[in-house]
N, C-alpha and C. Protein backbone atom coordinates (compact mmCIF):
# COMPACT_ATOMS: atom_id res chain seq x y z
N MET A 1 -17.83 16.00 9.01
CA MET A 1 -17.82 15.01 10.05
C MET A 1 -16.44 14.99 10.69
N LEU A 2 -16.38 14.87 12.00
CA LEU A 2 -15.11 14.87 12.72
C LEU A 2 -14.84 13.45 13.23
N VAL A 3 -13.70 12.89 12.85
CA VAL A 3 -13.30 11.55 13.28
C VAL A 3 -11.90 11.64 13.84
N ASN A 4 -11.74 11.26 15.11
CA ASN A 4 -10.43 11.32 15.77
C ASN A 4 -9.78 12.69 15.63
N GLY A 5 -10.57 13.74 15.77
CA GLY A 5 -10.05 15.09 15.70
C GLY A 5 -9.74 15.57 14.29
N ARG A 6 -10.11 14.79 13.27
CA ARG A 6 -9.85 15.18 11.89
C ARG A 6 -11.16 15.24 11.12
N THR A 7 -11.19 16.05 10.13
CA THR A 7 -12.37 16.13 9.28
C THR A 7 -12.34 14.98 8.29
N ALA A 8 -13.43 14.21 8.26
CA ALA A 8 -13.51 13.07 7.36
C ALA A 8 -14.54 13.35 6.27
N SER A 9 -14.26 12.86 5.12
CA SER A 9 -15.17 13.03 3.99
C SER A 9 -16.24 11.96 4.03
N CYS A 10 -17.46 12.33 3.71
CA CYS A 10 -18.57 11.38 3.66
C CYS A 10 -18.89 10.98 2.23
N ARG A 11 -18.02 11.35 1.31
CA ARG A 11 -18.24 11.04 -0.10
C ARG A 11 -18.19 9.53 -0.32
N GLN A 12 -19.18 9.02 -1.04
CA GLN A 12 -19.18 7.60 -1.36
C GLN A 12 -18.26 7.33 -2.53
N LYS A 13 -17.61 6.18 -2.49
CA LYS A 13 -16.73 5.81 -3.59
C LYS A 13 -17.56 5.37 -4.79
N THR A 14 -17.04 5.60 -5.96
CA THR A 14 -17.70 5.13 -7.17
C THR A 14 -17.34 3.66 -7.37
N ASP A 15 -18.06 2.98 -8.24
CA ASP A 15 -17.78 1.57 -8.52
C ASP A 15 -16.33 1.37 -8.97
N ALA A 16 -15.81 2.33 -9.72
CA ALA A 16 -14.44 2.21 -10.21
C ALA A 16 -13.43 2.28 -9.08
N GLU A 17 -13.76 2.94 -7.97
CA GLU A 17 -12.86 3.09 -6.83
C GLU A 17 -12.97 1.94 -5.83
N MET A 18 -14.05 1.17 -5.89
CA MET A 18 -14.29 0.12 -4.91
C MET A 18 -13.58 -1.18 -5.27
N THR A 19 -13.01 -1.82 -4.27
CA THR A 19 -12.43 -3.13 -4.46
C THR A 19 -13.57 -4.15 -4.37
N PRO A 20 -13.73 -5.00 -5.37
CA PRO A 20 -14.84 -5.94 -5.33
C PRO A 20 -14.73 -6.91 -4.15
N ILE A 21 -15.86 -7.26 -3.59
CA ILE A 21 -15.94 -8.29 -2.57
C ILE A 21 -15.61 -9.62 -3.25
N GLN A 22 -14.81 -10.43 -2.60
CA GLN A 22 -14.47 -11.75 -3.13
C GLN A 22 -15.38 -12.76 -2.45
N LEU A 23 -16.29 -13.36 -3.21
CA LEU A 23 -17.28 -14.30 -2.67
C LEU A 23 -16.94 -15.70 -3.12
N TYR A 24 -16.59 -16.56 -2.18
CA TYR A 24 -16.31 -17.96 -2.44
C TYR A 24 -17.55 -18.75 -2.06
N THR A 25 -18.16 -19.43 -3.03
CA THR A 25 -19.47 -20.03 -2.79
C THR A 25 -19.70 -21.23 -3.70
N TYR A 26 -20.84 -21.87 -3.52
CA TYR A 26 -21.27 -22.99 -4.35
C TYR A 26 -22.78 -22.92 -4.49
N GLN A 27 -23.34 -23.78 -5.32
CA GLN A 27 -24.76 -23.75 -5.63
C GLN A 27 -25.58 -24.42 -4.52
N THR A 28 -25.63 -23.78 -3.36
CA THR A 28 -26.42 -24.26 -2.24
C THR A 28 -27.29 -23.10 -1.75
N PRO A 29 -28.32 -23.38 -0.96
CA PRO A 29 -29.13 -22.27 -0.44
C PRO A 29 -28.31 -21.21 0.30
N ASN A 30 -27.39 -21.64 1.16
CA ASN A 30 -26.56 -20.66 1.87
C ASN A 30 -25.62 -19.93 0.92
N GLY A 31 -25.15 -20.60 -0.09
CA GLY A 31 -24.30 -19.95 -1.07
C GLY A 31 -25.04 -18.86 -1.84
N HIS A 32 -26.29 -19.12 -2.16
CA HIS A 32 -27.10 -18.12 -2.86
C HIS A 32 -27.42 -16.93 -1.96
N LYS A 33 -27.68 -17.18 -0.70
CA LYS A 33 -28.02 -16.09 0.24
C LYS A 33 -26.91 -15.05 0.32
N ALA A 34 -25.67 -15.50 0.27
CA ALA A 34 -24.54 -14.58 0.41
C ALA A 34 -24.44 -13.59 -0.73
N SER A 35 -24.97 -13.93 -1.90
CA SER A 35 -24.88 -13.03 -3.04
C SER A 35 -26.01 -12.01 -3.08
N ILE A 36 -27.01 -12.16 -2.24
CA ILE A 36 -28.17 -11.26 -2.28
C ILE A 36 -27.79 -9.83 -1.89
N MET A 37 -27.04 -9.66 -0.80
CA MET A 37 -26.72 -8.31 -0.32
C MET A 37 -25.92 -7.50 -1.34
N PRO A 38 -24.81 -8.02 -1.88
CA PRO A 38 -24.10 -7.19 -2.86
C PRO A 38 -24.91 -6.95 -4.13
N GLU A 39 -25.73 -7.91 -4.49
CA GLU A 39 -26.57 -7.76 -5.68
C GLU A 39 -27.60 -6.65 -5.48
N GLU A 40 -28.26 -6.65 -4.32
CA GLU A 40 -29.30 -5.66 -4.04
C GLU A 40 -28.74 -4.25 -3.81
N THR A 41 -27.54 -4.17 -3.23
CA THR A 41 -26.96 -2.86 -2.95
C THR A 41 -26.11 -2.32 -4.08
N GLY A 42 -25.83 -3.16 -5.07
CA GLY A 42 -25.02 -2.72 -6.19
C GLY A 42 -23.53 -2.73 -5.92
N LEU A 43 -23.11 -3.35 -4.82
CA LEU A 43 -21.68 -3.43 -4.52
C LEU A 43 -21.00 -4.37 -5.51
N PRO A 44 -19.82 -4.01 -5.97
CA PRO A 44 -19.13 -4.92 -6.89
C PRO A 44 -18.64 -6.16 -6.15
N TYR A 45 -18.80 -7.31 -6.79
CA TYR A 45 -18.29 -8.54 -6.18
C TYR A 45 -17.90 -9.52 -7.27
N GLU A 46 -16.98 -10.40 -6.91
CA GLU A 46 -16.50 -11.44 -7.82
C GLU A 46 -16.78 -12.78 -7.18
N VAL A 47 -17.36 -13.69 -7.96
CA VAL A 47 -17.72 -15.01 -7.46
C VAL A 47 -16.62 -16.01 -7.81
N HIS A 48 -16.23 -16.79 -6.82
CA HIS A 48 -15.29 -17.88 -7.00
C HIS A 48 -16.04 -19.16 -6.60
N VAL A 49 -16.21 -20.07 -7.54
CA VAL A 49 -16.95 -21.30 -7.26
C VAL A 49 -16.05 -22.28 -6.52
N VAL A 50 -16.55 -22.78 -5.38
CA VAL A 50 -15.85 -23.77 -4.57
C VAL A 50 -16.64 -25.07 -4.73
N ASP A 51 -16.12 -26.00 -5.50
CA ASP A 51 -16.84 -27.24 -5.79
C ASP A 51 -16.77 -28.18 -4.59
N ILE A 52 -17.77 -28.10 -3.73
CA ILE A 52 -17.78 -28.92 -2.51
C ILE A 52 -18.02 -30.39 -2.83
N GLU A 53 -18.53 -30.70 -4.00
CA GLU A 53 -18.72 -32.10 -4.39
C GLU A 53 -17.38 -32.76 -4.70
N LYS A 54 -16.38 -31.97 -5.08
CA LYS A 54 -15.03 -32.49 -5.34
C LYS A 54 -14.11 -32.32 -4.14
N GLY A 55 -14.62 -31.72 -3.06
CA GLY A 55 -13.83 -31.56 -1.85
C GLY A 55 -12.87 -30.38 -1.85
N VAL A 56 -13.10 -29.43 -2.73
CA VAL A 56 -12.21 -28.26 -2.82
C VAL A 56 -12.14 -27.49 -1.50
N GLN A 57 -13.19 -27.57 -0.68
CA GLN A 57 -13.22 -26.84 0.59
C GLN A 57 -12.19 -27.39 1.59
N HIS A 58 -11.59 -28.54 1.28
CA HIS A 58 -10.56 -29.12 2.16
C HIS A 58 -9.15 -28.81 1.69
N SER A 59 -9.01 -28.06 0.59
CA SER A 59 -7.68 -27.74 0.05
C SER A 59 -7.02 -26.65 0.90
N PRO A 60 -5.70 -26.66 0.99
CA PRO A 60 -4.99 -25.65 1.78
C PRO A 60 -5.33 -24.20 1.40
N PRO A 61 -5.43 -23.86 0.09
CA PRO A 61 -5.77 -22.46 -0.22
C PRO A 61 -7.15 -22.05 0.33
N PHE A 62 -8.13 -22.95 0.27
CA PHE A 62 -9.44 -22.59 0.81
C PHE A 62 -9.41 -22.56 2.34
N LEU A 63 -8.71 -23.49 2.96
CA LEU A 63 -8.62 -23.50 4.42
C LEU A 63 -7.92 -22.25 4.96
N ALA A 64 -7.08 -21.63 4.14
CA ALA A 64 -6.45 -20.37 4.55
C ALA A 64 -7.50 -19.25 4.63
N LEU A 65 -8.55 -19.35 3.81
CA LEU A 65 -9.64 -18.37 3.85
C LEU A 65 -10.61 -18.66 4.98
N ASN A 66 -10.92 -19.95 5.17
CA ASN A 66 -11.87 -20.35 6.21
C ASN A 66 -11.45 -21.70 6.78
N PRO A 67 -10.82 -21.72 7.95
CA PRO A 67 -10.37 -22.97 8.56
C PRO A 67 -11.50 -23.93 8.90
N ASN A 68 -12.74 -23.45 8.90
CA ASN A 68 -13.88 -24.32 9.18
C ASN A 68 -14.37 -25.05 7.93
N ASN A 69 -13.73 -24.86 6.81
CA ASN A 69 -14.02 -25.44 5.50
C ASN A 69 -15.50 -25.38 5.11
N LYS A 70 -16.12 -24.25 5.36
CA LYS A 70 -17.54 -24.03 5.02
C LYS A 70 -17.66 -22.90 4.00
N ILE A 71 -18.68 -22.98 3.17
CA ILE A 71 -19.01 -21.88 2.27
C ILE A 71 -20.28 -21.24 2.80
N PRO A 72 -20.57 -20.01 2.50
CA PRO A 72 -19.79 -19.07 1.71
C PRO A 72 -18.72 -18.37 2.54
N VAL A 73 -17.72 -17.87 1.83
CA VAL A 73 -16.63 -17.09 2.45
C VAL A 73 -16.56 -15.78 1.70
């Protein structure tokens, strides 16, 4: 395959080479939906629970990820 005048490899990375997706979520329908794609495709991902009942979505570290203070991120 030629990309920008260079030959590019189409080799897929192994699980050991992939950086896991960081999923910030909570136990809500939308939170569950976000985990379906990586689960079905076998992509590595790490779940970080955002306790929206305690208001964690309003904390500065979470707002740096999503200024709209919504999950999933």
